[in-house]
Amino acid sequence: MKLKQPSQILFIIAGTLTILGAFGQLFNLTLAPYLFSLGSGLLIYVQGKNAYDIKTSDARLRRLARLGFLTSLLLAIAAYLMFTGSNSWVVLVLMYAALSFFLSFRGN
């Protein structure tokens, strides 16, 4: 079994925390915005590190990494909206999911 890179493990943990926070917010758990914020912060960190560390001559891959980072910033806005009590966070999470799905097919 191949050992995963720390960034892959961190990405999995961050995604899990984000999903748990989103589902917790649907059920009005008090801890949900904190879980979502922690997960989205980790996702922003991983995507930013990926965009910064990419050292390839292919401009397409560099652009996709930057777009991945920018779309992850939608999660920070969604976390803010969770704390304010607005239900608009759902739209931002849906936009993040759709853009991430699109970018996953564009990359390697």
PDB file of N, CA and C in Angstrom:
ATOM      1  N   MET A   1       0.837  -1.173   0.000  1.00  0.00           N
ATOM      2  CA  MET A   1       0.000   0.000   0.000  1.00  0.00           C
ATOM      3  C   MET A   1       0.887   1.243   0.000  1.00  0.00           C
ATOM      4  N   LYS A   2       0.584   2.166  -0.894  1.00  0.00           N
ATOM      5  CA  LYS A   2       1.388   3.369  -1.031  1.00  0.00           C
ATOM      6  C   LYS A   2       1.029   4.369   0.070  1.00  0.00           C
ATOM      7  N   LEU A   3       2.046   4.945   0.688  1.00  0.00           N
ATOM      8  CA  LEU A   3       1.845   5.953   1.724  1.00  0.00           C
ATOM      9  C   LEU A   3       1.429   7.264   1.072  1.00  0.00           C
ATOM     10  N   LYS A   4       0.350   7.844   1.559  1.00  0.00           N
ATOM     11  CA  LYS A   4      -0.144   9.084   0.980  1.00  0.00           C
ATOM     12  C   LYS A   4       0.676  10.271   1.460  1.00  0.00           C
ATOM     13  N   GLN A   5       0.717  11.294   0.642  1.00  0.00           N
ATOM     14  CA  GLN A   5       1.409  12.515   1.010  1.00  0.00           C
ATOM     15  C   GLN A   5       0.622  13.224   2.112  1.00  0.00           C
ATOM     16  N   PRO A   6       1.296  13.994   2.950  1.00  0.00           N
ATOM     17  CA  PRO A   6       0.576  14.704   4.019  1.00  0.00           C
ATOM     18  C   PRO A   6      -0.502  15.649   3.497  1.00  0.00           C
ATOM     19  N   SER A   7      -0.282  16.258   2.332  1.00  0.00           N
ATOM     20  CA  SER A   7      -1.298  17.169   1.798  1.00  0.00           C
ATOM     21  C   SER A   7      -2.560  16.417   1.390  1.00  0.00           C
ATOM     22  N   GLN A   8      -2.409  15.180   0.915  1.00  0.00           N
ATOM     23  CA  GLN A   8      -3.588  14.377   0.570  1.00  0.00           C
ATOM     24  C   GLN A   8      -4.374  13.999   1.810  1.00  0.00           C
ATOM     25  N   ILE A   9      -3.671  13.643   2.872  1.00  0.00           N
ATOM     26  CA  ILE A   9      -4.338  13.282   4.122  1.00  0.00           C
ATOM     27  C   ILE A   9      -5.033  14.504   4.705  1.00  0.00           C
ATOM     28  N   LEU A  10      -4.365  15.655   4.653  1.00  0.00           N
ATOM     29  CA  LEU A  10      -4.959  16.890   5.155  1.00  0.00           C
ATOM     30  C   LEU A  10      -6.188  17.277   4.337  1.00  0.00           C
ATOM     31  N   PHE A  11      -6.148  17.055   3.034  1.00  0.00           N
ATOM     32  CA  PHE A  11      -7.280  17.344   2.166  1.00  0.00           C
ATOM     33  C   PHE A  11      -8.473  16.461   2.527  1.00  0.00           C
ATOM     34  N   ILE A  12      -8.233  15.197   2.807  1.00  0.00           N
ATOM     35  CA  ILE A  12      -9.313  14.279   3.189  1.00  0.00           C
ATOM     36  C   ILE A  12      -9.914  14.683   4.528  1.00  0.00           C
ATOM     37  N   ILE A  13      -9.071  15.033   5.489  1.00  0.00           N
ATOM     38  CA  ILE A  13      -9.564  15.469   6.803  1.00  0.00           C
ATOM     39  C   ILE A  13     -10.370  16.754   6.661  1.00  0.00           C
ATOM     40  N   ALA A  14      -9.866  17.692   5.868  1.00  0.00           N
ATOM     41  CA  ALA A  14     -10.553  18.965   5.685  1.00  0.00           C
ATOM     42  C   ALA A  14     -11.906  18.770   5.010  1.00  0.00           C
ATOM     43  N   GLY A  15     -11.950  17.938   4.003  1.00  0.00           N
ATOM     44  CA  GLY A  15     -13.218  17.663   3.332  1.00  0.00           C
ATOM     45  C   GLY A  15     -14.223  17.010   4.250  1.00  0.00           C
ATOM     46  N   THR A  16     -13.754  16.089   5.084  1.00  0.00           N
ATOM     47  CA  THR A  16     -14.639  15.420   6.033  1.00  0.00           C
ATOM     48  C   THR A  16     -15.200  16.408   7.050  1.00  0.00           C
ATOM     49  N   LEU A  17     -14.349  17.280   7.582  1.00  0.00           N
ATOM     50  CA  LEU A  17     -14.816  18.288   8.538  1.00  0.00           C
ATOM     51  C   LEU A  17     -15.815  19.249   7.894  1.00  0.00           C
ATOM     52  N   THR A  18     -15.571  19.611   6.660  1.00  0.00           N
ATOM     53  CA  THR A  18     -16.473  20.521   5.964  1.00  0.00           C
ATOM     54  C   THR A  18     -17.830  19.874   5.744  1.00  0.00           C
ATOM     55  N   ILE A  19     -17.842  18.634   5.323  1.00  0.00           N
ATOM     56  CA  ILE A  19     -19.110  17.935   5.107  1.00  0.00           C
ATOM     57  C   ILE A  19     -19.859  17.742   6.420  1.00  0.00           C
ATOM     58  N   LEU A  20     -19.142  17.364   7.473  1.00  0.00           N
ATOM     59  CA  LEU A  20     -19.793  17.206   8.777  1.00  0.00           C
ATOM     60  C   LEU A  20     -20.372  18.532   9.265  1.00  0.00           C
ATOM     61  N   GLY A  21     -19.648  19.617   9.060  1.00  0.00           N
ATOM     62  CA  GLY A  21     -20.150  20.928   9.454  1.00  0.00           C
ATOM     63  C   GLY A  21     -21.371  21.354   8.658  1.00  0.00           C
ATOM     64  N   ALA A  22     -21.383  21.054   7.366  1.00  0.00           N
ATOM     65  CA  ALA A  22     -22.534  21.413   6.530  1.00  0.00           C
ATOM     66  C   ALA A  22     -23.770  20.624   6.943  1.00  0.00           C
ATOM     67  N   PHE A  23     -23.609  19.321   7.158  1.00  0.00           N
ATOM     68  CA  PHE A  23     -24.759  18.525   7.598  1.00  0.00           C
ATOM     69  C   PHE A  23     -25.191  18.906   9.004  1.00  0.00           C
ATOM     70  N   GLY A  24     -24.243  19.233   9.850  1.00  0.00           N
ATOM     71  CA  GLY A  24     -24.592  19.677  11.195  1.00  0.00           C
ATOM     72  C   GLY A  24     -25.368  20.982  11.186  1.00  0.00           C
ATOM     73  N   GLN A  25     -25.017  21.873  10.271  1.00  0.00           N
ATOM     74  CA  GLN A  25     -25.747  23.137  10.165  1.00  0.00           C
ATOM     75  C   GLN A  25     -27.181  22.905   9.703  1.00  0.00           C
ATOM     76  N   LEU A  26     -27.391  21.909   8.858  1.00  0.00           N
ATOM     77  CA  LEU A  26     -28.756  21.597   8.433  1.00  0.00           C
ATOM     78  C   LEU A  26     -29.619  21.139   9.599  1.00  0.00           C
ATOM     79  N   PHE A  27     -28.999  20.504  10.601  1.00  0.00           N
ATOM     80  CA  PHE A  27     -29.717  20.029  11.773  1.00  0.00           C
ATOM     81  C   PHE A  27     -29.580  20.969  12.969  1.00  0.00           C
ATOM     82  N   ASN A  28     -29.091  22.194  12.725  1.00  0.00           N
ATOM     83  CA  ASN A  28     -28.966  23.251  13.738  1.00  0.00           C
ATOM     84  C   ASN A  28     -28.113  22.841  14.940  1.00  0.00           C
ATOM     85  N   LEU A  29     -27.021  22.151  14.712  1.00  0.00           N
ATOM     86  CA  LEU A  29     -26.083  21.846  15.789  1.00  0.00           C
ATOM     87  C   LEU A  29     -25.232  23.080  16.073  1.00  0.00           C
ATOM     88  N   THR A  30     -24.952  23.334  17.333  1.00  0.00           N
ATOM     89  CA  THR A  30     -24.208  24.549  17.679  1.00  0.00           C
ATOM     90  C   THR A  30     -22.739  24.463  17.279  1.00  0.00           C
ATOM     91  N   LEU A  31     -22.198  23.274  17.188  1.00  0.00           N
ATOM     92  CA  LEU A  31     -20.791  23.089  16.838  1.00  0.00           C
ATOM     93  C   LEU A  31     -20.552  23.112  15.327  1.00  0.00           C
ATOM     94  N   ALA A  32     -21.603  23.055  14.538  1.00  0.00           N
ATOM     95  CA  ALA A  32     -21.489  22.911  13.087  1.00  0.00           C
ATOM     96  C   ALA A  32     -20.714  24.041  12.402  1.00  0.00           C
ATOM     97  N   PRO A  33     -20.968  25.312  12.703  1.00  0.00           N
ATOM     98  CA  PRO A  33     -20.195  26.356  12.012  1.00  0.00           C
ATOM     99  C   PRO A  33     -18.696  26.288  12.308  1.00  0.00           C
ATOM    100  N   TYR A  34     -18.348  25.824  13.502  1.00  0.00           N
ATOM    101  CA  TYR A  34     -16.928  25.718  13.853  1.00  0.00           C
ATOM    102  C   TYR A  34     -16.258  24.575  13.086  1.00  0.00           C
ATOM    103  N   LEU A  35     -16.961  23.456  12.954  1.00  0.00           N
ATOM    104  CA  LEU A  35     -16.418  22.343  12.163  1.00  0.00           C
ATOM    105  C   LEU A  35     -16.261  22.755  10.708  1.00  0.00           C
ATOM    106  N   PHE A  36     -17.293  23.413  10.181  1.00  0.00           N
ATOM    107  CA  PHE A  36     -17.250  23.850   8.789  1.00  0.00           C
ATOM    108  C   PHE A  36     -16.117  24.849   8.576  1.00  0.00           C
ATOM    109  N   SER A  37     -15.951  25.779   9.511  1.00  0.00           N
ATOM    110  CA  SER A  37     -14.893  26.787   9.380  1.00  0.00           C
ATOM    111  C   SER A  37     -13.510  26.158   9.436  1.00  0.00           C
ATOM    112  N   LEU A  38     -13.328  25.213  10.337  1.00  0.00           N
ATOM    113  CA  LEU A  38     -12.039  24.530  10.425  1.00  0.00           C
ATOM    114  C   LEU A  38     -11.744  23.759   9.143  1.00  0.00           C
ATOM    115  N   GLY A  39     -12.733  23.028   8.645  1.00  0.00           N
ATOM    116  CA  GLY A  39     -12.547  22.277   7.405  1.00  0.00           C
ATOM    117  C   GLY A  39     -12.309  23.176   6.206  1.00  0.00           C
ATOM    118  N   SER A  40     -13.060  24.266   6.115  1.00  0.00           N
ATOM    119  CA  SER A  40     -12.868  25.162   4.974  1.00  0.00           C
ATOM    120  C   SER A  40     -11.525  25.884   5.065  1.00  0.00           C
ATOM    121  N   GLY A  41     -11.092  26.218   6.267  1.00  0.00           N
ATOM    122  CA  GLY A  41      -9.771  26.825   6.424  1.00  0.00           C
ATOM    123  C   GLY A  41      -8.660  25.893   5.990  1.00  0.00           C
ATOM    124  N   LEU A  42      -8.793  24.631   6.347  1.00  0.00           N
ATOM    125  CA  LEU A  42      -7.794  23.645   5.913  1.00  0.00           C
ATOM    126  C   LEU A  42      -7.824  23.445   4.401  1.00  0.00           C
ATOM    127  N   LEU A  43      -9.038  23.448   3.812  1.00  0.00           N
ATOM    128  CA  LEU A  43      -9.131  23.316   2.355  1.00  0.00           C
ATOM    129  C   LEU A  43      -8.499  24.514   1.654  1.00  0.00           C
ATOM    130  N   ILE A  44      -8.709  25.699   2.185  1.00  0.00           N
ATOM    131  CA  ILE A  44      -8.098  26.892   1.606  1.00  0.00           C
ATOM    132  C   ILE A  44      -6.579  26.789   1.698  1.00  0.00           C
ATOM    133  N   TYR A  45      -6.093  26.314   2.843  1.00  0.00           N
ATOM    134  CA  TYR A  45      -4.642  26.155   3.006  1.00  0.00           C
ATOM    135  C   TYR A  45      -4.077  25.154   1.996  1.00  0.00           C
ATOM    136  N   VAL A  46      -4.725  24.005   1.856  1.00  0.00           N
ATOM    137  CA  VAL A  46      -4.228  22.970   0.942  1.00  0.00           C
ATOM    138  C   VAL A  46      -4.262  23.468  -0.501  1.00  0.00           C
ATOM    139  N   GLN A  47      -5.363  24.120  -0.887  1.00  0.00           N
ATOM    140  CA  GLN A  47      -5.460  24.619  -2.260  1.00  0.00           C
ATOM    141  C   GLN A  47      -4.444  25.742  -2.512  1.00  0.00           C
ATOM    142  N   GLY A  48      -4.248  26.608  -1.520  1.00  0.00           N
ATOM    143  CA  GLY A  48      -3.254  27.668  -1.668  1.00  0.00           C
ATOM    144  C   GLY A  48      -1.847  27.126  -1.763  1.00  0.00           C
ATOM    145  N   LYS A  49      -1.544  26.135  -0.946  1.00  0.00           N
ATOM    146  CA  LYS A  49      -0.223  25.501  -0.996  1.00  0.00           C
ATOM    147  C   LYS A  49      -0.011  24.819  -2.339  1.00  0.00           C
ATOM    148  N   ASN A  50      -1.061  24.173  -2.846  1.00  0.00           N
ATOM    149  CA  ASN A  50      -0.978  23.516  -4.147  1.00  0.00           C
ATOM    150  C   ASN A  50      -0.736  24.549  -5.253  1.00  0.00           C
ATOM    151  N   ALA A  51      -1.445  25.671  -5.190  1.00  0.00           N
ATOM    152  CA  ALA A  51      -1.267  26.709  -6.214  1.00  0.00           C
ATOM    153  C   ALA A  51       0.110  27.347  -6.127  1.00  0.00           C
ATOM    154  N   TYR A  52       0.651  27.467  -4.924  1.00  0.00           N
ATOM    155  CA  TYR A  52       1.966  28.088  -4.747  1.00  0.00           C
ATOM    156  C   TYR A  52       3.100  27.133  -5.123  1.00  0.00           C
ATOM    157  N   ASP A  53       2.939  25.848  -4.809  1.00  0.00           N
ATOM    158  CA  ASP A  53       4.016  24.881  -5.001  1.00  0.00           C
ATOM    159  C   ASP A  53       4.113  24.314  -6.405  1.00  0.00           C
ATOM    160  N   ILE A  54       3.133  24.547  -7.249  1.00  0.00           N
ATOM    161  CA  ILE A  54       3.159  23.920  -8.576  1.00  0.00           C
ATOM    162  C   ILE A  54       4.281  24.551  -9.400  1.00  0.00           C
ATOM    163  N   LYS A  55       5.167  23.703  -9.872  1.00  0.00           N
ATOM    164  CA  LYS A  55       6.348  24.150 -10.622  1.00  0.00           C
ATOM    165  C   LYS A  55       6.386  23.430 -11.966  1.00  0.00           C
ATOM    166  N   THR A  56       5.439  23.741 -12.800  1.00  0.00           N
ATOM    167  CA  THR A  56       5.397  23.125 -14.110  1.00  0.00           C
ATOM    168  C   THR A  56       5.390  24.211 -15.175  1.00  0.00           C
ATOM    169  N   SER A  57       5.809  23.849 -16.352  1.00  0.00           N
ATOM    170  CA  SER A  57       5.827  24.819 -17.440  1.00  0.00           C
ATOM    171  C   SER A  57       4.467  24.913 -18.120  1.00  0.00           C
ATOM    172  N   ASP A  58       3.562  24.011 -17.764  1.00  0.00           N
ATOM    173  CA  ASP A  58       2.236  24.003 -18.360  1.00  0.00           C
ATOM    174  C   ASP A  58       1.376  25.085 -17.703  1.00  0.00           C
ATOM    175  N   ALA A  59       1.056  26.112 -18.467  1.00  0.00           N
ATOM    176  CA  ALA A  59       0.276  27.234 -17.931  1.00  0.00           C
ATOM    177  C   ALA A  59      -1.135  26.797 -17.564  1.00  0.00           C
ATOM    178  N   ARG A  60      -1.654  25.788 -18.224  1.00  0.00           N
ATOM    179  CA  ARG A  60      -3.008  25.312 -17.946  1.00  0.00           C
ATOM    180  C   ARG A  60      -3.105  24.742 -16.538  1.00  0.00           C
ATOM    181  N   LEU A  61      -2.115  23.960 -16.140  1.00  0.00           N
ATOM    182  CA  LEU A  61      -2.146  23.368 -14.800  1.00  0.00           C
ATOM    183  C   LEU A  61      -1.961  24.426 -13.711  1.00  0.00           C
ATOM    184  N   ARG A  62      -1.123  25.416 -13.983  1.00  0.00           N
ATOM    185  CA  ARG A  62      -0.957  26.504 -13.011  1.00  0.00           C
ATOM    186  C   ARG A  62      -2.245  27.300 -12.857  1.00  0.00           C
ATOM    187  N   ARG A  63      -2.918  27.543 -13.974  1.00  0.00           N
ATOM    188  CA  ARG A  63      -4.180  28.279 -13.941  1.00  0.00           C
ATOM    189  C   ARG A  63      -5.248  27.479 -13.203  1.00  0.00           C
ATOM    190  N   LEU A  64      -5.314  26.180 -13.423  1.00  0.00           N
ATOM    191  CA  LEU A  64      -6.285  25.346 -12.727  1.00  0.00           C
ATOM    192  C   LEU A  64      -6.031  25.316 -11.222  1.00  0.00           C
ATOM    193  N   ALA A  65      -4.759  25.324 -10.832  1.00  0.00           N
ATOM    194  CA  ALA A  65      -4.432  25.350  -9.397  1.00  0.00           C
ATOM    195  C   ALA A  65      -4.865  26.671  -8.769  1.00  0.00           C
ATOM    196  N   ARG A  66      -4.663  27.761  -9.487  1.00  0.00           N
ATOM    197  CA  ARG A  66      -5.096  29.068  -8.969  1.00  0.00           C
ATOM    198  C   ARG A  66      -6.615  29.148  -8.893  1.00  0.00           C
ATOM    199  N   LEU A  67      -7.302  28.604  -9.890  1.00  0.00           N
ATOM    200  CA  LEU A  67      -8.765  28.592  -9.851  1.00  0.00           C
ATOM    201  C   LEU A  67      -9.293  27.736  -8.701  1.00  0.00           C
ATOM    202  N   GLY A  68      -8.601  26.636  -8.414  1.00  0.00           N
ATOM    203  CA  GLY A  68      -8.981  25.809  -7.273  1.00  0.00           C
ATOM    204  C   GLY A  68      -8.863  26.570  -5.965  1.00  0.00           C
ATOM    205  N   PHE A  69      -7.823  27.377  -5.839  1.00  0.00           N
ATOM    206  CA  PHE A  69      -7.659  28.193  -4.639  1.00  0.00           C
ATOM    207  C   PHE A  69      -8.752  29.248  -4.547  1.00  0.00           C
ATOM    208  N   LEU A  70      -9.040  29.913  -5.662  1.00  0.00           N
ATOM    209  CA  LEU A  70     -10.063  30.958  -5.639  1.00  0.00           C
ATOM    210  C   LEU A  70     -11.446  30.395  -5.338  1.00  0.00           C
ATOM    211  N   THR A  71     -11.750  29.218  -5.852  1.00  0.00           N
ATOM    212  CA  THR A  71     -13.058  28.631  -5.552  1.00  0.00           C
ATOM    213  C   THR A  71     -13.146  28.183  -4.093  1.00  0.00           C
ATOM    214  N   SER A  72     -12.020  27.806  -3.508  1.00  0.00           N
ATOM    215  CA  SER A  72     -12.063  27.410  -2.099  1.00  0.00           C
ATOM    216  C   SER A  72     -12.343  28.605  -1.188  1.00  0.00           C
ATOM    217  N   LEU A  73     -12.091  29.817  -1.677  1.00  0.00           N
ATOM    218  CA  LEU A  73     -12.420  31.004  -0.891  1.00  0.00           C
ATOM    219  C   LEU A  73     -13.928  31.179  -0.734  1.00  0.00           C
ATOM    220  N   LEU A  74     -14.712  30.559  -1.616  1.00  0.00           N
ATOM    221  CA  LEU A  74     -16.167  30.571  -1.448  1.00  0.00           C
ATOM    222  C   LEU A  74     -16.577  29.916  -0.133  1.00  0.00           C
ATOM    223  N   LEU A  75     -15.803  28.939   0.307  1.00  0.00           N
ATOM    224  CA  LEU A  75     -16.117  28.266   1.564  1.00  0.00           C
ATOM    225  C   LEU A  75     -15.921  29.189   2.761  1.00  0.00           C
ATOM    226  N   ALA A  76     -14.963  30.107   2.674  1.00  0.00           N
ATOM    227  CA  ALA A  76     -14.759  31.061   3.767  1.00  0.00           C
ATOM    228  C   ALA A  76     -15.953  31.998   3.876  1.00  0.00           C
ATOM    229  N   ILE A  77     -16.473  32.432   2.751  1.00  0.00           N
ATOM    230  CA  ILE A  77     -17.656  33.289   2.770  1.00  0.00           C
ATOM    231  C   ILE A  77     -18.857  32.506   3.297  1.00  0.00           C
ATOM    232  N   ALA A  78     -18.962  31.241   2.906  1.00  0.00           N
ATOM    233  CA  ALA A  78     -20.059  30.404   3.399  1.00  0.00           C
ATOM    234  C   ALA A  78     -19.969  30.219   4.914  1.00  0.00           C
ATOM    235  N   ALA A  79     -18.753  30.065   5.424  1.00  0.00           N
ATOM    236  CA  ALA A  79     -18.582  29.929   6.877  1.00  0.00           C
ATOM    237  C   ALA A  79     -19.018  31.206   7.589  1.00  0.00           C
ATOM    238  N   TYR A  80     -18.676  32.342   7.028  1.00  0.00           N
ATOM    239  CA  TYR A  80     -19.125  33.611   7.616  1.00  0.00           C
ATOM    240  C   TYR A  80     -20.650  33.679   7.645  1.00  0.00           C
ATOM    241  N   LEU A  81     -21.281  33.278   6.534  1.00  0.00           N
ATOM    242  CA  LEU A  81     -22.744  33.311   6.475  1.00  0.00           C
ATOM    243  C   LEU A  81     -23.373  32.334   7.462  1.00  0.00           C
ATOM    244  N   MET A  82     -22.686  31.246   7.762  1.00  0.00           N
ATOM    245  CA  MET A  82     -23.186  30.320   8.786  1.00  0.00           C
ATOM    246  C   MET A  82     -23.229  30.995  10.148  1.00  0.00           C
ATOM    247  N   PHE A  83     -22.183  31.740  10.461  1.00  0.00           N
ATOM    248  CA  PHE A  83     -22.123  32.406  11.763  1.00  0.00           C
ATOM    249  C   PHE A  83     -23.146  33.535  11.881  1.00  0.00           C
ATOM    250  N   THR A  84     -23.491  34.166  10.753  1.00  0.00           N
ATOM    251  CA  THR A  84     -24.476  35.243  10.803  1.00  0.00           C
ATOM    252  C   THR A  84     -25.898  34.716  10.859  1.00  0.00           C
ATOM    253  N   GLY A  85     -26.099  33.436  10.579  1.00  0.00           N
ATOM    254  CA  GLY A  85     -27.432  32.844  10.637  1.00  0.00           C
ATOM    255  C   GLY A  85     -28.173  32.879   9.319  1.00  0.00           C
ATOM    256  N   SER A  86     -27.523  33.311   8.274  1.00  0.00           N
ATOM    257  CA  SER A  86     -28.148  33.358   6.959  1.00  0.00           C
ATOM    258  C   SER A  86     -28.140  31.965   6.330  1.00  0.00           C
ATOM    259  N   ASN A  87     -29.148  31.690   5.530  1.00  0.00           N
ATOM    260  CA  ASN A  87     -29.196  30.408   4.829  1.00  0.00           C
ATOM    261  C   ASN A  87     -28.558  30.476   3.449  1.00  0.00           C
ATOM    262  N   SER A  88     -27.963  31.601   3.105  1.00  0.00           N
ATOM    263  CA  SER A  88     -27.328  31.759   1.794  1.00  0.00           C
ATOM    264  C   SER A  88     -26.037  30.965   1.670  1.00  0.00           C
ATOM    265  N   TRP A  89     -25.539  30.423   2.757  1.00  0.00           N
ATOM    266  CA  TRP A  89     -24.315  29.637   2.706  1.00  0.00           C
ATOM    267  C   TRP A  89     -24.482  28.415   1.811  1.00  0.00           C
ATOM    268  N   VAL A  90     -25.720  27.941   1.692  1.00  0.00           N
ATOM    269  CA  VAL A  90     -25.983  26.757   0.875  1.00  0.00           C
ATOM    270  C   VAL A  90     -25.655  27.028  -0.585  1.00  0.00           C
ATOM    271  N   VAL A  91     -25.968  28.227  -1.061  1.00  0.00           N
ATOM    272  CA  VAL A  91     -25.694  28.591  -2.452  1.00  0.00           C
ATOM    273  C   VAL A  91     -24.190  28.602  -2.718  1.00  0.00           C
ATOM    274  N   LEU A  92     -23.421  29.139  -1.778  1.00  0.00           N
ATOM    275  CA  LEU A  92     -21.974  29.199  -1.962  1.00  0.00           C
ATOM    276  C   LEU A  92     -21.336  27.814  -1.921  1.00  0.00           C
ATOM    277  N   VAL A  93     -21.838  26.955  -1.060  1.00  0.00           N
ATOM    278  CA  VAL A  93     -21.312  25.586  -1.019  1.00  0.00           C
ATOM    279  C   VAL A  93     -21.656  24.852  -2.311  1.00  0.00           C
ATOM    280  N   LEU A  94     -22.846  25.093  -2.839  1.00  0.00           N
ATOM    281  CA  LEU A  94     -23.231  24.485  -4.115  1.00  0.00           C
ATOM    282  C   LEU A  94     -22.358  25.003  -5.254  1.00  0.00           C
ATOM    283  N   MET A  95     -22.059  26.307  -5.248  1.00  0.00           N
ATOM    284  CA  MET A  95     -21.163  26.856  -6.269  1.00  0.00           C
ATOM    285  C   MET A  95     -19.774  26.243  -6.156  1.00  0.00           C
ATOM    286  N   TYR A  96     -19.272  26.098  -4.920  1.00  0.00           N
ATOM    287  CA  TYR A  96     -17.959  25.476  -4.716  1.00  0.00           C
ATOM    288  C   TYR A  96     -17.960  24.038  -5.241  1.00  0.00           C
ATOM    289  N   ALA A  97     -19.016  23.295  -4.934  1.00  0.00           N
ATOM    290  CA  ALA A  97     -19.076  21.895  -5.364  1.00  0.00           C
ATOM    291  C   ALA A  97     -19.113  21.793  -6.891  1.00  0.00           C
ATOM    292  N   ALA A  98     -19.908  22.639  -7.527  1.00  0.00           N
ATOM    293  CA  ALA A  98     -20.018  22.586  -8.989  1.00  0.00           C
ATOM    294  C   ALA A  98     -18.696  22.979  -9.651  1.00  0.00           C
ATOM    295  N   LEU A  99     -18.059  24.027  -9.147  1.00  0.00           N
ATOM    296  CA  LEU A  99     -16.781  24.456  -9.735  1.00  0.00           C
ATOM    297  C   LEU A  99     -15.672  23.439  -9.484  1.00  0.00           C
ATOM    298  N   SER A 100     -15.656  22.841  -8.308  1.00  0.00           N
ATOM    299  CA  SER A 100     -14.646  21.823  -8.016  1.00  0.00           C
ATOM    300  C   SER A 100     -14.857  20.586  -8.891  1.00  0.00           C
ATOM    301  N   PHE A 101     -16.102  20.248  -9.113  1.00  0.00           N
ATOM    302  CA  PHE A 101     -16.416  19.117  -9.996  1.00  0.00           C
ATOM    303  C   PHE A 101     -15.933  19.393 -11.407  1.00  0.00           C
ATOM    304  N   PHE A 102     -16.170  20.585 -11.888  1.00  0.00           N
ATOM    305  CA  PHE A 102     -15.711  20.974 -13.218  1.00  0.00           C
ATOM    306  C   PHE A 102     -14.199  20.955 -13.312  1.00  0.00           C
ATOM    307  N   LEU A 103     -13.538  21.539 -12.291  1.00  0.00           N
ATOM    308  CA  LEU A 103     -12.070  21.605 -12.321  1.00  0.00           C
ATOM    309  C   LEU A 103     -11.423  20.239 -12.182  1.00  0.00           C
ATOM    310  N   SER A 104     -12.109  19.297 -11.546  1.00  0.00           N
ATOM    311  CA  SER A 104     -11.536  17.966 -11.397  1.00  0.00           C
ATOM    312  C   SER A 104     -11.422  17.247 -12.740  1.00  0.00           C
ATOM    313  N   PHE A 105     -12.303  17.562 -13.664  1.00  0.00           N
ATOM    314  CA  PHE A 105     -12.218  16.956 -15.001  1.00  0.00           C
ATOM    315  C   PHE A 105     -11.232  17.684 -15.901  1.00  0.00           C
ATOM    316  N   ARG A 106     -10.936  18.927 -15.577  1.00  0.00           N
ATOM    317  CA  ARG A 106     -10.008  19.692 -16.399  1.00  0.00           C
ATOM    318  C   ARG A 106      -8.543  19.386 -16.066  1.00  0.00           C
ATOM    319  N   GLY A 107      -8.278  18.967 -14.827  1.00  0.00           N
ATOM    320  CA  GLY A 107      -6.909  18.687 -14.413  1.00  0.00           C
ATOM    321  C   GLY A 107      -6.490  17.273 -14.762  1.00  0.00           C
ATOM    322  N   ASN A 108      -5.364  16.861 -14.200  1.00  0.00           N
ATOM    323  CA  ASN A 108      -4.867  15.507 -14.450  1.00  0.00           C
ATOM    324  C   ASN A 108      -5.610  14.495 -13.618  1.00  0.00           C
TER     325      ASN A 108
END
